[in-house]
Amino acid sequence: MAISEQAEQLGVEQRLLVRADRDIEEFSQRIRKQEDRVRELRAGGHDTREAERLVDLFKQNLAEWERRRVLIAQRIAYLQRQVAAEQPEAG
């Protein structure tokens, strides 16, 4: 892969990382809100099984996004090393 292609791919991956961070934060907020709903339902004497199930699903999705984020960060590190290795020596 040419250095320009690597640099372009690096930019793409960095944008994906920003998006992954945003998605992770959004999932975290959804989890907190749903946990609040569970507490409200429980306090009102309501059945919370389905609401708790939704919390579990949200947490599974969050874990997937966190794994995806790790892979993106690893790809960025790899591309940064590749781009740095291809840079001409200053001198």
PDB file of N, CA and C in Angstrom:
ATOM      1  N   MET A   1       0.850  -1.171   0.000  1.00  0.00           N
ATOM      2  CA  MET A   1       0.000   0.000   0.000  1.00  0.00           C
ATOM      3  C   MET A   1       0.894   1.233   0.000  1.00  0.00           C
ATOM      4  N   ALA A   2       0.608   2.175  -0.857  1.00  0.00           N
ATOM      5  CA  ALA A   2       1.396   3.404  -0.936  1.00  0.00           C
ATOM      6  C   ALA A   2       1.148   4.254   0.303  1.00  0.00           C
ATOM      7  N   ILE A   3       2.131   5.107   0.589  1.00  0.00           N
ATOM      8  CA  ILE A   3       2.025   5.931   1.800  1.00  0.00           C
ATOM      9  C   ILE A   3       0.786   6.817   1.769  1.00  0.00           C
ATOM     10  N   SER A   4       0.441   7.339   0.583  1.00  0.00           N
ATOM     11  CA  SER A   4      -0.748   8.192   0.501  1.00  0.00           C
ATOM     12  C   SER A   4      -2.010   7.386   0.821  1.00  0.00           C
ATOM     13  N   GLU A   5      -2.056   6.144   0.383  1.00  0.00           N
ATOM     14  CA  GLU A   5      -3.202   5.277   0.696  1.00  0.00           C
ATOM     15  C   GLU A   5      -3.245   4.968   2.193  1.00  0.00           C
ATOM     16  N   GLN A   6      -2.075   4.733   2.777  1.00  0.00           N
ATOM     17  CA  GLN A   6      -2.017   4.458   4.210  1.00  0.00           C
ATOM     18  C   GLN A   6      -2.459   5.678   5.009  1.00  0.00           C
ATOM     19  N   ALA A   7      -2.000   6.854   4.579  1.00  0.00           N
ATOM     20  CA  ALA A   7      -2.378   8.082   5.271  1.00  0.00           C
ATOM     21  C   ALA A   7      -3.881   8.327   5.146  1.00  0.00           C
ATOM     22  N   GLU A   8      -4.428   8.045   3.979  1.00  0.00           N
ATOM     23  CA  GLU A   8      -5.869   8.201   3.781  1.00  0.00           C
ATOM     24  C   GLU A   8      -6.636   7.216   4.658  1.00  0.00           C
ATOM     25  N   GLN A   9      -6.181   5.976   4.691  1.00  0.00           N
ATOM     26  CA  GLN A   9      -6.827   4.956   5.525  1.00  0.00           C
ATOM     27  C   GLN A   9      -6.726   5.328   6.999  1.00  0.00           C
ATOM     28  N   LEU A  10      -5.605   5.920   7.388  1.00  0.00           N
ATOM     29  CA  LEU A  10      -5.429   6.371   8.764  1.00  0.00           C
ATOM     30  C   LEU A  10      -6.496   7.407   9.120  1.00  0.00           C
ATOM     31  N   GLY A  11      -6.739   8.338   8.213  1.00  0.00           N
ATOM     32  CA  GLY A  11      -7.777   9.344   8.438  1.00  0.00           C
ATOM     33  C   GLY A  11      -9.152   8.712   8.584  1.00  0.00           C
ATOM     34  N   VAL A  12      -9.435   7.733   7.743  1.00  0.00           N
ATOM     35  CA  VAL A  12     -10.723   7.024   7.815  1.00  0.00           C
ATOM     36  C   VAL A  12     -10.861   6.344   9.170  1.00  0.00           C
ATOM     37  N   GLU A  13      -9.822   5.640   9.589  1.00  0.00           N
ATOM     38  CA  GLU A  13      -9.870   4.921  10.871  1.00  0.00           C
ATOM     39  C   GLU A  13     -10.004   5.876  12.043  1.00  0.00           C
ATOM     40  N   GLN A  14      -9.344   7.029  11.959  1.00  0.00           N
ATOM     41  CA  GLN A  14      -9.452   8.005  13.045  1.00  0.00           C
ATOM     42  C   GLN A  14     -10.877   8.545  13.152  1.00  0.00           C
ATOM     43  N   ARG A  15     -11.527   8.751  12.012  1.00  0.00           N
ATOM     44  CA  ARG A  15     -12.929   9.191  12.042  1.00  0.00           C
ATOM     45  C   ARG A  15     -13.820   8.087  12.618  1.00  0.00           C
ATOM     46  N   LEU A  16     -13.515   6.836  12.266  1.00  0.00           N
ATOM     47  CA  LEU A  16     -14.272   5.716  12.830  1.00  0.00           C
ATOM     48  C   LEU A  16     -14.105   5.642  14.345  1.00  0.00           C
ATOM     49  N   LEU A  17     -12.913   5.954  14.826  1.00  0.00           N
ATOM     50  CA  LEU A  17     -12.655   5.937  16.265  1.00  0.00           C
ATOM     51  C   LEU A  17     -13.477   7.012  16.975  1.00  0.00           C
ATOM     52  N   VAL A  18     -13.539   8.192  16.379  1.00  0.00           N
ATOM     53  CA  VAL A  18     -14.355   9.273  16.961  1.00  0.00           C
ATOM     54  C   VAL A  18     -15.812   8.839  17.023  1.00  0.00           C
ATOM     55  N   ARG A  19     -16.283   8.231  15.947  1.00  0.00           N
ATOM     56  CA  ARG A  19     -17.675   7.756  15.911  1.00  0.00           C
ATOM     57  C   ARG A  19     -17.904   6.652  16.951  1.00  0.00           C
ATOM     58  N   ALA A  20     -16.948   5.743  17.071  1.00  0.00           N
ATOM     59  CA  ALA A  20     -17.074   4.663  18.062  1.00  0.00           C
ATOM     60  C   ALA A  20     -17.138   5.239  19.470  1.00  0.00           C
ATOM     61  N   ASP A  21     -16.306   6.233  19.755  1.00  0.00           N
ATOM     62  CA  ASP A  21     -16.340   6.868  21.079  1.00  0.00           C
ATOM     63  C   ASP A  21     -17.704   7.498  21.333  1.00  0.00           C
ATOM     64  N   ARG A  22     -18.247   8.152  20.325  1.00  0.00           N
ATOM     65  CA  ARG A  22     -19.565   8.779  20.458  1.00  0.00           C
ATOM     66  C   ARG A  22     -20.651   7.712  20.676  1.00  0.00           C
ATOM     67  N   ASP A  23     -20.579   6.637  19.914  1.00  0.00           N
ATOM     68  CA  ASP A  23     -21.558   5.559  20.063  1.00  0.00           C
ATOM     69  C   ASP A  23     -21.477   4.903  21.431  1.00  0.00           C
ATOM     70  N   ILE A  24     -20.267   4.721  21.927  1.00  0.00           N
ATOM     71  CA  ILE A  24     -20.077   4.142  23.259  1.00  0.00           C
ATOM     72  C   ILE A  24     -20.702   5.041  24.321  1.00  0.00           C
ATOM     73  N   GLU A  25     -20.493   6.324  24.194  1.00  0.00           N
ATOM     74  CA  GLU A  25     -21.087   7.261  25.154  1.00  0.00           C
ATOM     75  C   GLU A  25     -22.613   7.221  25.076  1.00  0.00           C
ATOM     76  N   GLU A  26     -23.155   7.154  23.860  1.00  0.00           N
ATOM     77  CA  GLU A  26     -24.607   7.086  23.706  1.00  0.00           C
ATOM     78  C   GLU A  26     -25.170   5.806  24.315  1.00  0.00           C
ATOM     79  N   PHE A  27     -24.501   4.677  24.101  1.00  0.00           N
ATOM     80  CA  PHE A  27     -24.946   3.421  24.694  1.00  0.00           C
ATOM     81  C   PHE A  27     -24.871   3.495  26.213  1.00  0.00           C
ATOM     82  N   SER A  28     -23.827   4.107  26.736  1.00  0.00           N
ATOM     83  CA  SER A  28     -23.692   4.250  28.188  1.00  0.00           C
ATOM     84  C   SER A  28     -24.850   5.070  28.750  1.00  0.00           C
ATOM     85  N   GLN A  29     -25.219   6.129  28.055  1.00  0.00           N
ATOM     86  CA  GLN A  29     -26.351   6.952  28.493  1.00  0.00           C
ATOM     87  C   GLN A  29     -27.657   6.167  28.440  1.00  0.00           C
ATOM     88  N   ARG A  30     -27.849   5.382  27.387  1.00  0.00           N
ATOM     89  CA  ARG A  30     -29.060   4.561  27.281  1.00  0.00           C
ATOM     90  C   ARG A  30     -29.150   3.575  28.442  1.00  0.00           C
ATOM     91  N   ILE A  31     -28.013   2.998  28.773  1.00  0.00           N
ATOM     92  CA  ILE A  31     -27.994   2.043  29.888  1.00  0.00           C
ATOM     93  C   ILE A  31     -28.389   2.740  31.187  1.00  0.00           C
ATOM     94  N   ARG A  32     -27.792   3.896  31.445  1.00  0.00           N
ATOM     95  CA  ARG A  32     -28.128   4.628  32.674  1.00  0.00           C
ATOM     96  C   ARG A  32     -29.614   4.979  32.724  1.00  0.00           C
ATOM     97  N   LYS A  33     -30.167   5.440  31.604  1.00  0.00           N
ATOM     98  CA  LYS A  33     -31.585   5.797  31.562  1.00  0.00           C
ATOM     99  C   LYS A  33     -32.465   4.566  31.795  1.00  0.00           C
ATOM    100  N   GLN A  34     -32.102   3.465  31.170  1.00  0.00           N
ATOM    101  CA  GLN A  34     -32.892   2.251  31.332  1.00  0.00           C
ATOM    102  C   GLN A  34     -32.794   1.732  32.767  1.00  0.00           C
ATOM    103  N   GLU A  35     -31.611   1.821  33.358  1.00  0.00           N
ATOM    104  CA  GLU A  35     -31.466   1.412  34.756  1.00  0.00           C
ATOM    105  C   GLU A  35     -32.331   2.292  35.667  1.00  0.00           C
ATOM    106  N   ASP A  36     -32.428   3.584  35.328  1.00  0.00           N
ATOM    107  CA  ASP A  36     -33.321   4.474  36.082  1.00  0.00           C
ATOM    108  C   ASP A  36     -34.768   4.018  35.945  1.00  0.00           C
ATOM    109  N   ARG A  37     -35.156   3.627  34.736  1.00  0.00           N
ATOM    110  CA  ARG A  37     -36.524   3.140  34.517  1.00  0.00           C
ATOM    111  C   ARG A  37     -36.797   1.869  35.332  1.00  0.00           C
ATOM    112  N   VAL A  38     -35.817   0.987  35.371  1.00  0.00           N
ATOM    113  CA  VAL A  38     -35.975  -0.245  36.151  1.00  0.00           C
ATOM    114  C   VAL A  38     -36.226   0.104  37.620  1.00  0.00           C
ATOM    115  N   ARG A  39     -35.428   1.034  38.147  1.00  0.00           N
ATOM    116  CA  ARG A  39     -35.604   1.438  39.545  1.00  0.00           C
ATOM    117  C   ARG A  39     -36.992   2.046  39.773  1.00  0.00           C
ATOM    118  N   GLU A  40     -37.441   2.878  38.822  1.00  0.00           N
ATOM    119  CA  GLU A  40     -38.761   3.495  38.949  1.00  0.00           C
ATOM    120  C   GLU A  40     -39.865   2.433  38.918  1.00  0.00           C
ATOM    121  N   LEU A  41     -39.743   1.498  37.999  1.00  0.00           N
ATOM    122  CA  LEU A  41     -40.731   0.419  37.906  1.00  0.00           C
ATOM    123  C   LEU A  41     -40.758  -0.406  39.189  1.00  0.00           C
ATOM    124  N   ARG A  42     -39.558  -0.746  39.650  1.00  0.00           N
ATOM    125  CA  ARG A  42     -39.455  -1.553  40.873  1.00  0.00           C
ATOM    126  C   ARG A  42     -40.078  -0.802  42.057  1.00  0.00           C
ATOM    127  N   ALA A  43     -39.779   0.489  42.154  1.00  0.00           N
ATOM    128  CA  ALA A  43     -40.325   1.295  43.254  1.00  0.00           C
ATOM    129  C   ALA A  43     -41.850   1.370  43.173  1.00  0.00           C
ATOM    130  N   GLY A  44     -42.377   1.295  41.948  1.00  0.00           N
ATOM    131  CA  GLY A  44     -43.824   1.340  41.769  1.00  0.00           C
ATOM    132  C   GLY A  44     -44.485  -0.020  41.879  1.00  0.00           C
ATOM    133  N   GLY A  45     -43.679  -1.046  42.197  1.00  0.00           N
ATOM    134  CA  GLY A  45     -44.225  -2.376  42.374  1.00  0.00           C
ATOM    135  C   GLY A  45     -44.509  -3.109  41.076  1.00  0.00           C
ATOM    136  N   HIS A  46     -43.934  -2.637  39.976  1.00  0.00           N
ATOM    137  CA  HIS A  46     -44.175  -3.249  38.666  1.00  0.00           C
ATOM    138  C   HIS A  46     -43.166  -4.359  38.361  1.00  0.00           C
ATOM    139  N   ASP A  47     -43.543  -5.221  37.454  1.00  0.00           N
ATOM    140  CA  ASP A  47     -42.662  -6.282  36.965  1.00  0.00           C
ATOM    141  C   ASP A  47     -41.537  -5.622  36.155  1.00  0.00           C
ATOM    142  N   THR A  48     -40.302  -5.943  36.472  1.00  0.00           N
ATOM    143  CA  THR A  48     -39.161  -5.300  35.813  1.00  0.00           C
ATOM    144  C   THR A  48     -38.374  -6.242  34.904  1.00  0.00           C
ATOM    145  N   ARG A  49     -38.860  -7.450  34.729  1.00  0.00           N
ATOM    146  CA  ARG A  49     -38.095  -8.448  33.967  1.00  0.00           C
ATOM    147  C   ARG A  49     -37.733  -7.976  32.565  1.00  0.00           C
ATOM    148  N   GLU A  50     -38.710  -7.458  31.826  1.00  0.00           N
ATOM    149  CA  GLU A  50     -38.431  -7.018  30.450  1.00  0.00           C
ATOM    150  C   GLU A  50     -37.503  -5.801  30.434  1.00  0.00           C
ATOM    151  N   ALA A  51     -37.702  -4.897  31.362  1.00  0.00           N
ATOM    152  CA  ALA A  51     -36.846  -3.710  31.440  1.00  0.00           C
ATOM    153  C   ALA A  51     -35.408  -4.117  31.775  1.00  0.00           C
ATOM    154  N   GLU A  52     -35.263  -5.094  32.667  1.00  0.00           N
ATOM    155  CA  GLU A  52     -33.927  -5.590  33.020  1.00  0.00           C
ATOM    156  C   GLU A  52     -33.292  -6.322  31.839  1.00  0.00           C
ATOM    157  N   ARG A  53     -34.114  -7.039  31.087  1.00  0.00           N
ATOM    158  CA  ARG A  53     -33.620  -7.734  29.897  1.00  0.00           C
ATOM    159  C   ARG A  53     -33.065  -6.725  28.894  1.00  0.00           C
ATOM    160  N   LEU A  54     -33.757  -5.591  28.756  1.00  0.00           N
ATOM    161  CA  LEU A  54     -33.293  -4.549  27.855  1.00  0.00           C
ATOM    162  C   LEU A  54     -31.954  -3.975  28.321  1.00  0.00           C
ATOM    163  N   VAL A  55     -31.795  -3.808  29.627  1.00  0.00           N
ATOM    164  CA  VAL A  55     -30.505  -3.349  30.164  1.00  0.00           C
ATOM    165  C   VAL A  55     -29.405  -4.336  29.767  1.00  0.00           C
ATOM    166  N   ASP A  56     -29.673  -5.607  29.905  1.00  0.00           N
ATOM    167  CA  ASP A  56     -28.681  -6.623  29.535  1.00  0.00           C
ATOM    168  C   ASP A  56     -28.332  -6.548  28.054  1.00  0.00           C
ATOM    169  N   LEU A  57     -29.338  -6.364  27.201  1.00  0.00           N
ATOM    170  CA  LEU A  57     -29.080  -6.238  25.761  1.00  0.00           C
ATOM    171  C   LEU A  57     -28.244  -5.001  25.463  1.00  0.00           C
ATOM    172  N   PHE A  58     -28.569  -3.892  26.112  1.00  0.00           N
ATOM    173  CA  PHE A  58     -27.783  -2.673  25.927  1.00  0.00           C
ATOM    174  C   PHE A  58     -26.327  -2.901  26.342  1.00  0.00           C
ATOM    175  N   LYS A  59     -26.135  -3.607  27.453  1.00  0.00           N
ATOM    176  CA  LYS A  59     -24.773  -3.871  27.929  1.00  0.00           C
ATOM    177  C   LYS A  59     -24.013  -4.775  26.959  1.00  0.00           C
ATOM    178  N   GLN A  60     -24.707  -5.730  26.350  1.00  0.00           N
ATOM    179  CA  GLN A  60     -24.062  -6.576  25.345  1.00  0.00           C
ATOM    180  C   GLN A  60     -23.649  -5.744  24.136  1.00  0.00           C
ATOM    181  N   ASN A  61     -24.534  -4.842  23.701  1.00  0.00           N
ATOM    182  CA  ASN A  61     -24.201  -3.958  22.582  1.00  0.00           C
ATOM    183  C   ASN A  61     -23.019  -3.068  22.923  1.00  0.00           C
ATOM    184  N   LEU A  62     -23.009  -2.555  24.133  1.00  0.00           N
ATOM    185  CA  LEU A  62     -21.899  -1.716  24.568  1.00  0.00           C
ATOM    186  C   LEU A  62     -20.586  -2.493  24.524  1.00  0.00           C
ATOM    187  N   ALA A  63     -20.605  -3.711  24.985  1.00  0.00           N
ATOM    188  CA  ALA A  63     -19.389  -4.539  24.958  1.00  0.00           C
ATOM    189  C   ALA A  63     -18.907  -4.742  23.527  1.00  0.00           C
ATOM    190  N   GLU A  64     -19.830  -4.932  22.602  1.00  0.00           N
ATOM    191  CA  GLU A  64     -19.447  -5.088  21.191  1.00  0.00           C
ATOM    192  C   GLU A  64     -18.810  -3.812  20.651  1.00  0.00           C
ATOM    193  N   TRP A  65     -19.395  -2.670  20.980  1.00  0.00           N
ATOM    194  CA  TRP A  65     -18.815  -1.405  20.538  1.00  0.00           C
ATOM    195  C   TRP A  65     -17.431  -1.176  21.153  1.00  0.00           C
ATOM    196  N   GLU A  66     -17.275  -1.559  22.400  1.00  0.00           N
ATOM    197  CA  GLU A  66     -15.962  -1.405  23.040  1.00  0.00           C
ATOM    198  C   GLU A  66     -14.932  -2.307  22.373  1.00  0.00           C
ATOM    199  N   ARG A  67     -15.328  -3.524  22.006  1.00  0.00           N
ATOM    200  CA  ARG A  67     -14.404  -4.413  21.277  1.00  0.00           C
ATOM    201  C   ARG A  67     -14.062  -3.826  19.911  1.00  0.00           C
ATOM    202  N   ARG A  68     -15.074  -3.286  19.248  1.00  0.00           N
ATOM    203  CA  ARG A  68     -14.845  -2.664  17.939  1.00  0.00           C
ATOM    204  C   ARG A  68     -13.879  -1.485  18.082  1.00  0.00           C
ATOM    205  N   ARG A  69     -14.051  -0.709  19.145  1.00  0.00           N
ATOM    206  CA  ARG A  69     -13.177   0.437  19.362  1.00  0.00           C
ATOM    207  C   ARG A  69     -11.721  -0.006  19.528  1.00  0.00           C
ATOM    208  N   VAL A  70     -11.516  -1.094  20.264  1.00  0.00           N
ATOM    209  CA  VAL A  70     -10.158  -1.623  20.459  1.00  0.00           C
ATOM    210  C   VAL A  70      -9.547  -2.002  19.110  1.00  0.00           C
ATOM    211  N   LEU A  71     -10.322  -2.657  18.262  1.00  0.00           N
ATOM    212  CA  LEU A  71      -9.813  -3.044  16.946  1.00  0.00           C
ATOM    213  C   LEU A  71      -9.468  -1.832  16.099  1.00  0.00           C
ATOM    214  N   ILE A  72     -10.303  -0.812  16.150  1.00  0.00           N
ATOM    215  CA  ILE A  72     -10.017   0.413  15.397  1.00  0.00           C
ATOM    216  C   ILE A  72      -8.736   1.053  15.916  1.00  0.00           C
ATOM    217  N   ALA A  73      -8.584   1.138  17.230  1.00  0.00           N
ATOM    218  CA  ALA A  73      -7.378   1.734  17.818  1.00  0.00           C
ATOM    219  C   ALA A  73      -6.133   0.942  17.431  1.00  0.00           C
ATOM    220  N   GLN A  74      -6.243  -0.374  17.396  1.00  0.00           N
ATOM    221  CA  GLN A  74      -5.102  -1.203  16.970  1.00  0.00           C
ATOM    222  C   GLN A  74      -4.767  -0.947  15.511  1.00  0.00           C
ATOM    223  N   ARG A  75      -5.777  -0.812  14.679  1.00  0.00           N
ATOM    224  CA  ARG A  75      -5.556  -0.526  13.253  1.00  0.00           C
ATOM    225  C   ARG A  75      -4.891   0.840  13.087  1.00  0.00           C
ATOM    226  N   ILE A  76      -5.317   1.816  13.858  1.00  0.00           N
ATOM    227  CA  ILE A  76      -4.710   3.147  13.797  1.00  0.00           C
ATOM    228  C   ILE A  76      -3.232   3.066  14.170  1.00  0.00           C
ATOM    229  N   ALA A  77      -2.920   2.365  15.240  1.00  0.00           N
ATOM    230  CA  ALA A  77      -1.524   2.230  15.674  1.00  0.00           C
ATOM    231  C   ALA A  77      -0.691   1.569  14.574  1.00  0.00           C
ATOM    232  N   TYR A  78      -1.236   0.544  13.953  1.00  0.00           N
ATOM    233  CA  TYR A  78      -0.542  -0.150  12.859  1.00  0.00           C
ATOM    234  C   TYR A  78      -0.289   0.815  11.695  1.00  0.00           C
ATOM    235  N   LEU A  79      -1.309   1.542  11.287  1.00  0.00           N
ATOM    236  CA  LEU A  79      -1.156   2.462  10.161  1.00  0.00           C
ATOM    237  C   LEU A  79      -0.190   3.593  10.490  1.00  0.00           C
ATOM    238  N   GLN A  80      -0.241   4.070  11.740  1.00  0.00           N
ATOM    239  CA  GLN A  80       0.708   5.120  12.139  1.00  0.00           C
ATOM    240  C   GLN A  80       2.147   4.627  12.023  1.00  0.00           C
ATOM    241  N   ARG A  81       2.382   3.376  12.433  1.00  0.00           N
ATOM    242  CA  ARG A  81       3.730   2.807  12.308  1.00  0.00           C
ATOM    243  C   ARG A  81       4.124   2.678  10.848  1.00  0.00           C
ATOM    244  N   GLN A  82       3.198   2.260  10.006  1.00  0.00           N
ATOM    245  CA  GLN A  82       3.481   2.097   8.588  1.00  0.00           C
ATOM    246  C   GLN A  82       3.793   3.442   7.929  1.00  0.00           C
ATOM    247  N   VAL A  83       2.992   4.446   8.235  1.00  0.00           N
ATOM    248  CA  VAL A  83       3.198   5.777   7.667  1.00  0.00           C
ATOM    249  C   VAL A  83       4.531   6.340   8.151  1.00  0.00           C
ATOM    250  N   ALA A  84       4.823   6.194   9.438  1.00  0.00           N
ATOM    251  CA  ALA A  84       6.083   6.702   9.992  1.00  0.00           C
ATOM    252  C   ALA A  84       7.283   6.008   9.353  1.00  0.00           C
ATOM    253  N   ALA A  85       7.171   4.724   9.104  1.00  0.00           N
ATOM    254  CA  ALA A  85       8.277   3.978   8.516  1.00  0.00           C
ATOM    255  C   ALA A  85       8.533   4.395   7.078  1.00  0.00           C
ATOM    256  N   GLU A  86       7.522   4.874   6.406  1.00  0.00           N
ATOM    257  CA  GLU A  86       7.650   5.272   4.999  1.00  0.00           C
ATOM    258  C   GLU A  86       8.047   6.731   4.820  1.00  0.00           C
ATOM    259  N   GLN A  87       8.028   7.501   5.903  1.00  0.00           N
ATOM    260  CA  GLN A  87       8.389   8.918   5.813  1.00  0.00           C
ATOM    261  C   GLN A  87       9.874   9.041   5.502  1.00  0.00           C
ATOM    262  N   PRO A  88      10.216   9.944   4.594  1.00  0.00           N
ATOM    263  CA  PRO A  88      11.646  10.150   4.331  1.00  0.00           C
ATOM    264  C   PRO A  88      12.335  10.738   5.552  1.00  0.00           C
ATOM    265  N   GLU A  89      13.573  10.339   5.746  1.00  0.00           N
ATOM    266  CA  GLU A  89      14.369  10.824   6.880  1.00  0.00           C
ATOM    267  C   GLU A  89      14.648  12.299   6.705  1.00  0.00           C
ATOM    268  N   ALA A  90      14.453  13.087   7.762  1.00  0.00           N
ATOM    269  CA  ALA A  90      14.779  14.517   7.734  1.00  0.00           C
ATOM    270  C   ALA A  90      16.291  14.647   7.882  1.00  0.00           C
ATOM    271  N   GLY A  91      16.828  15.553   7.134  1.00  0.00           N
ATOM    272  CA  GLY A  91      18.260  15.613   7.300  1.00  0.00           C
ATOM    273  C   GLY A  91      18.862  16.706   6.646  1.00  0.00           C
TER     274      GLY A  91
END
